[in-house]
Protein backbone atom coordinates (compact mmCIF):
# COMPACT_ATOMS: atom_id res chain seq x y z
CA UNK A 1 145.86 131.21 35.53
CA UNK A 2 147.85 134.04 34.20
CA UNK A 3 151.77 134.42 35.11
CA UNK A 4 153.37 137.68 35.29
CA UNK A 5 157.07 138.11 34.47
CA UNK A 6 159.69 138.46 31.77
CA UNK A 7 158.69 135.29 30.03
CA UNK A 8 154.93 136.19 29.92
CA UNK A 9 154.73 140.03 29.07
CA UNK A 10 151.42 141.28 29.88
CA UNK A 11 149.21 142.46 26.82
CA UNK A 12 147.26 145.84 26.98
CA UNK A 13 143.67 145.51 28.05
CA UNK A 14 140.91 147.76 28.15
CA UNK A 15 141.49 151.36 28.02
CA UNK A 16 145.37 150.63 27.39
CA UNK A 17 144.52 148.66 24.09
CA UNK A 18 142.02 151.45 23.22
CA UNK A 19 144.93 153.81 23.69
CA UNK A 20 147.18 151.97 21.80
CA UNK A 21 144.79 151.59 18.88
CA UNK A 22 144.34 155.39 18.94
CA UNK A 23 148.00 156.10 18.83
CA UNK A 24 148.79 153.79 16.23
CA UNK A 25 146.03 155.57 14.21
CA UNK A 26 147.40 158.94 14.63
CA UNK A 27 151.14 157.84 13.97
CA UNK A 28 149.94 156.40 10.77
CA UNK A 29 147.82 159.29 9.47
CA UNK A 30 150.52 161.46 10.72
CA UNK A 31 153.23 159.75 8.72
CA UNK A 32 151.02 159.44 5.72
CA UNK A 33 150.28 163.17 5.29
CA UNK A 34 153.95 163.91 5.95
CA UNK A 35 154.81 161.40 3.08
CA UNK A 36 152.01 162.80 0.85
CA UNK A 37 153.27 166.29 1.35
CA UNK A 38 156.86 165.44 0.56
CA UNK A 39 155.63 163.65 -2.50
CA UNK A 40 153.69 166.93 -3.63
CA UNK A 41 156.74 169.05 -3.11
CA UNK A 42 159.07 166.48 -5.02
CA UNK A 43 156.52 166.60 -7.93
CA UNK A 44 156.41 170.48 -7.97
CA UNK A 45 160.16 170.69 -8.06
CA UNK A 46 160.43 168.21 -10.61
CA UNK A 47 158.25 169.94 -12.94
CA UNK A 48 159.87 173.23 -12.25
CA UNK A 49 157.14 175.25 -10.25
CA UNK A 50 159.28 175.29 -6.99
CA UNK A 51 162.73 176.31 -7.73
CA UNK A 52 165.98 176.83 -5.74
CA UNK A 53 167.01 173.17 -5.56
CA UNK A 54 169.04 170.72 -7.45
CA UNK A 55 165.72 168.76 -7.81
CA UNK A 56 164.14 171.76 -9.75
CA UNK A 57 163.50 170.64 -13.28
CA UNK A 58 164.86 167.01 -12.95
CA UNK A 59 162.46 164.54 -14.59
CA UNK A 60 162.83 161.79 -12.03
CA UNK A 61 161.48 163.81 -9.29
CA UNK A 62 158.23 164.81 -11.61
CA UNK A 63 157.83 160.91 -11.98
CA UNK A 64 158.74 159.80 -8.59
CA UNK A 65 157.02 162.66 -6.53
CA UNK A 66 153.50 161.38 -7.25
CA UNK A 67 154.43 157.96 -6.50
CA UNK A 68 155.67 159.07 -3.23
CA UNK A 69 152.25 161.03 -2.76
CA UNK A 70 150.08 157.98 -3.21
CA UNK A 71 152.32 155.80 -1.13
CA UNK A 72 151.66 158.51 1.59
CA UNK A 73 147.77 158.44 1.05
CA UNK A 74 147.87 154.57 1.20
CA UNK A 75 149.51 154.83 4.76
CA UNK A 76 147.12 157.35 5.72
CA UNK A 77 144.03 155.18 4.53
CA UNK A 78 145.55 152.16 6.38
CA UNK A 79 145.81 154.22 9.46
CA UNK A 80 141.97 155.08 8.97
CA UNK A 81 140.57 151.88 8.12
CA UNK A 82 137.85 150.34 10.44
CA UNK A 83 139.15 147.44 12.22
CA UNK A 84 136.45 144.46 12.76
CA UNK A 85 135.39 144.07 16.39
CA UNK A 86 137.10 140.93 17.87
């Protein structure tokens, strides 16, 4: 027996579940791409290719940029991974 109410919130089923999974996937991939792009920009600024910033030519950003870019790729990969059927 299923009870509705504040103490027992309903779980998404059917189309709602598919839409929730798709939305989560889109958000994770989008965030991952943005973080990756930020890491690339930080790297280019750190090594001096992109100028005009206080970050330009600073070794910290030349090292931190690739780390941030890899983290972004990991987030995007997590969003794209296949989920086992349950």
